[in-house]
Amino acid sequence: MSTHTSTESAFLTQATEALDALETALTHIGQAADIDWDLHRADNVLTIELPDGGKLIINSQAAMRQLWVAASSGGYHFSRDADGLWRNTRNGQELRATLSALLSAQCGQTVSL
């Protein structure tokens, strides 16, 4: 197995684990806070349909080794750091903090991942 394939395989495992964890957390938060969002998962894409009709889409980009978030406010790219956290490639903010802020703004109530 080449290093490229091994690295891509490791990335895909890490990305899947991150999406699984986000999906689980969002399910629990939605139920606990009575937020009427719908979660849809298709392989490496997690779509959050929000009560206001907006969407957040989180997907993995294997070629770039990144997770990307598409929101009404723009696109965000996250790379995994040495500590295993997904960090915004522009400002260093952690993925969960970014998603918390985006979801809070869209839902009109505090969402904390």
C-alpha atoms as a PDB file:
ATOM      1  CA  MET A   1       0.000   0.000   0.000  1.00  0.00           C
ATOM      2  CA  SER A   2       1.365   3.387  -0.928  1.00  0.00           C
ATOM      3  CA  THR A   3       1.777   6.189   1.566  1.00  0.00           C
ATOM      4  CA  HIS A   4      -0.797   8.217  -0.392  1.00  0.00           C
ATOM      5  CA  THR A   5      -3.403   5.471  -0.102  1.00  0.00           C
ATOM      6  CA  SER A   6      -2.579   4.948   3.562  1.00  0.00           C
ATOM      7  CA  THR A   7      -2.838   8.675   4.259  1.00  0.00           C
ATOM      8  CA  GLU A   8      -6.111   8.947   2.354  1.00  0.00           C
ATOM      9  CA  SER A   9      -7.493   5.939   4.210  1.00  0.00           C
ATOM     10  CA  ALA A  10      -6.508   7.473   7.556  1.00  0.00           C
ATOM     11  CA  PHE A  11      -8.125  10.772   6.573  1.00  0.00           C
ATOM     12  CA  LEU A  12     -11.356   9.074   5.520  1.00  0.00           C
ATOM     13  CA  THR A  13     -11.491   7.222   8.845  1.00  0.00           C
ATOM     14  CA  GLN A  14     -10.924  10.466  10.780  1.00  0.00           C
ATOM     15  CA  ALA A  15     -13.486  12.361   8.696  1.00  0.00           C
ATOM     16  CA  THR A  16     -16.093   9.620   9.137  1.00  0.00           C
ATOM     17  CA  GLU A  17     -15.498   9.597  12.896  1.00  0.00           C
ATOM     18  CA  ALA A  18     -15.876  13.397  13.014  1.00  0.00           C
ATOM     19  CA  LEU A  19     -19.121  13.314  11.006  1.00  0.00           C
ATOM     20  CA  ASP A  20     -20.463  10.449  13.148  1.00  0.00           C
ATOM     21  CA  ALA A  21     -19.708  12.406  16.333  1.00  0.00           C
ATOM     22  CA  LEU A  22     -21.308  15.577  14.968  1.00  0.00           C
ATOM     23  CA  GLU A  23     -24.412  13.703  13.860  1.00  0.00           C
ATOM     24  CA  THR A  24     -24.790  12.094  17.286  1.00  0.00           C
ATOM     25  CA  ALA A  25     -24.236  15.400  19.130  1.00  0.00           C
ATOM     26  CA  LEU A  26     -26.663  17.274  16.878  1.00  0.00           C
ATOM     27  CA  THR A  27     -29.321  14.601  17.347  1.00  0.00           C
ATOM     28  CA  HIS A  28     -29.044  14.857  21.147  1.00  0.00           C
ATOM     29  CA  ILE A  29     -28.924  18.666  21.168  1.00  0.00           C
ATOM     30  CA  GLY A  30     -31.932  18.934  18.868  1.00  0.00           C
ATOM     31  CA  GLN A  31     -33.952  16.627  21.098  1.00  0.00           C
ATOM     32  CA  ALA A  32     -32.848  18.231  24.375  1.00  0.00           C
ATOM     33  CA  ALA A  33     -33.375  21.812  23.202  1.00  0.00           C
ATOM     34  CA  ASP A  34     -36.484  20.975  21.145  1.00  0.00           C
ATOM     35  CA  ILE A  35     -34.924  22.371  17.976  1.00  0.00           C
ATOM     36  CA  ASP A  36     -36.760  21.199  14.899  1.00  0.00           C
ATOM     37  CA  TRP A  37     -33.863  20.542  12.552  1.00  0.00           C
ATOM     38  CA  ASP A  38     -33.580  17.579  10.244  1.00  0.00           C
ATOM     39  CA  LEU A  39     -30.320  15.709   9.830  1.00  0.00           C
ATOM     40  CA  HIS A  40     -29.524  13.789   6.664  1.00  0.00           C
ATOM     41  CA  ARG A  41     -26.405  11.718   6.146  1.00  0.00           C
ATOM     42  CA  ALA A  42     -25.195  10.309   2.862  1.00  0.00           C
ATOM     43  CA  ASP A  43     -21.710   8.811   3.159  1.00  0.00           C
ATOM     44  CA  ASN A  44     -19.349  11.734   3.737  1.00  0.00           C
ATOM     45  CA  VAL A  45     -22.015  14.462   3.665  1.00  0.00           C
ATOM     46  CA  LEU A  46     -24.052  15.607   6.676  1.00  0.00           C
ATOM     47  CA  THR A  47     -26.857  18.044   5.894  1.00  0.00           C
ATOM     48  CA  ILE A  48     -28.618  19.995   8.624  1.00  0.00           C
ATOM     49  CA  GLU A  49     -31.952  21.434   7.511  1.00  0.00           C
ATOM     50  CA  LEU A  50     -32.806  24.260   9.879  1.00  0.00           C
ATOM     51  CA  PRO A  51     -36.200  25.477  11.124  1.00  0.00           C
ATOM     52  CA  ASP A  52     -35.832  28.754   9.173  1.00  0.00           C
ATOM     53  CA  GLY A  53     -35.435  26.828   5.905  1.00  0.00           C
ATOM     54  CA  GLY A  54     -31.669  27.264   5.798  1.00  0.00           C
ATOM     55  CA  LYS A  55     -29.137  24.490   5.517  1.00  0.00           C
ATOM     56  CA  LEU A  56     -25.673  23.713   6.760  1.00  0.00           C
ATOM     57  CA  ILE A  57     -23.751  21.106   4.812  1.00  0.00           C
ATOM     58  CA  ILE A  58     -20.645  19.423   6.202  1.00  0.00           C
ATOM     59  CA  ASN A  59     -18.631  17.147   3.964  1.00  0.00           C
ATOM     60  CA  SER A  60     -15.197  15.648   3.684  1.00  0.00           C
ATOM     61  CA  GLN A  61     -12.824  16.558   0.883  1.00  0.00           C
ATOM     62  CA  ALA A  62     -10.357  13.680   0.653  1.00  0.00           C
ATOM     63  CA  ALA A  63      -8.151  15.318  -1.967  1.00  0.00           C
ATOM     64  CA  MET A  64      -7.615  18.333   0.315  1.00  0.00           C
ATOM     65  CA  ARG A  65      -7.688  16.305   3.578  1.00  0.00           C
ATOM     66  CA  GLN A  66     -10.294  18.751   4.902  1.00  0.00           C
ATOM     67  CA  LEU A  67     -13.842  18.998   6.172  1.00  0.00           C
ATOM     68  CA  TRP A  68     -15.840  21.715   4.453  1.00  0.00           C
ATOM     69  CA  VAL A  69     -18.870  23.533   5.809  1.00  0.00           C
ATOM     70  CA  ALA A  70     -21.285  25.358   3.532  1.00  0.00           C
ATOM     71  CA  ALA A  71     -23.584  27.855   5.240  1.00  0.00           C
ATOM     72  CA  SER A  72     -25.628  30.857   4.175  1.00  0.00           C
ATOM     73  CA  SER A  73     -22.822  33.028   5.552  1.00  0.00           C
ATOM     74  CA  GLY A  74     -20.175  31.355   3.377  1.00  0.00           C
ATOM     75  CA  GLY A  75     -17.862  28.399   3.101  1.00  0.00           C
ATOM     76  CA  TYR A  76     -15.426  27.196   5.737  1.00  0.00           C
ATOM     77  CA  HIS A  77     -12.537  24.745   5.426  1.00  0.00           C
ATOM     78  CA  PHE A  78     -11.128  22.745   8.339  1.00  0.00           C
ATOM     79  CA  SER A  79      -7.908  20.744   8.592  1.00  0.00           C
ATOM     80  CA  ARG A  80      -7.019  18.363  11.398  1.00  0.00           C
ATOM     81  CA  ASP A  81      -4.264  19.662  13.685  1.00  0.00           C
ATOM     82  CA  ALA A  82      -1.625  17.738  15.648  1.00  0.00           C
ATOM     83  CA  ASP A  83      -4.047  17.466  18.606  1.00  0.00           C
ATOM     84  CA  GLY A  84      -6.738  15.871  16.444  1.00  0.00           C
ATOM     85  CA  LEU A  85      -8.976  18.947  16.343  1.00  0.00           C
ATOM     86  CA  TRP A  86     -10.492  20.224  13.120  1.00  0.00           C
ATOM     87  CA  ARG A  87      -9.423  23.878  12.747  1.00  0.00           C
ATOM     88  CA  ASN A  88     -10.532  26.575  10.330  1.00  0.00           C
ATOM     89  CA  THR A  89      -7.750  27.075   7.802  1.00  0.00           C
ATOM     90  CA  ARG A  90      -8.256  30.860   7.877  1.00  0.00           C
ATOM     91  CA  ASN A  91      -8.674  31.751  11.550  1.00  0.00           C
ATOM     92  CA  GLY A  92      -7.854  28.580  13.518  1.00  0.00           C
ATOM     93  CA  GLN A  93     -11.310  28.343  15.136  1.00  0.00           C
ATOM     94  CA  GLU A  94     -12.308  24.789  16.034  1.00  0.00           C
ATOM     95  CA  LEU A  95     -15.039  23.133  13.933  1.00  0.00           C
ATOM     96  CA  ARG A  96     -17.470  22.655  16.812  1.00  0.00           C
ATOM     97  CA  ALA A  97     -17.141  26.302  17.873  1.00  0.00           C
ATOM     98  CA  THR A  98     -17.813  27.450  14.310  1.00  0.00           C
ATOM     99  CA  LEU A  99     -20.821  25.158  13.970  1.00  0.00           C
ATOM    100  CA  SER A 100     -22.156  26.283  17.363  1.00  0.00           C
ATOM    101  CA  ALA A 101     -22.002  29.926  16.262  1.00  0.00           C
ATOM    102  CA  LEU A 102     -23.568  29.232  12.858  1.00  0.00           C
ATOM    103  CA  LEU A 103     -26.377  27.116  14.318  1.00  0.00           C
ATOM    104  CA  SER A 104     -27.063  29.586  17.142  1.00  0.00           C
ATOM    105  CA  ALA A 105     -27.409  32.421  14.635  1.00  0.00           C
ATOM    106  CA  GLN A 106     -29.715  30.403  12.373  1.00  0.00           C
ATOM    107  CA  CYS A 107     -31.865  28.895  15.144  1.00  0.00           C
ATOM    108  CA  GLY A 108     -32.226  32.010  17.290  1.00  0.00           C
ATOM    109  CA  GLN A 109     -31.137  30.166  20.412  1.00  0.00           C
ATOM    110  CA  THR A 110     -27.819  29.081  21.861  1.00  0.00           C
ATOM    111  CA  VAL A 111     -26.456  25.863  20.426  1.00  0.00           C
ATOM    112  CA  SER A 112     -23.295  24.482  21.981  1.00  0.00           C
ATOM    113  CA  LEU A 113     -21.533  21.503  20.476  1.00  0.00           C
END
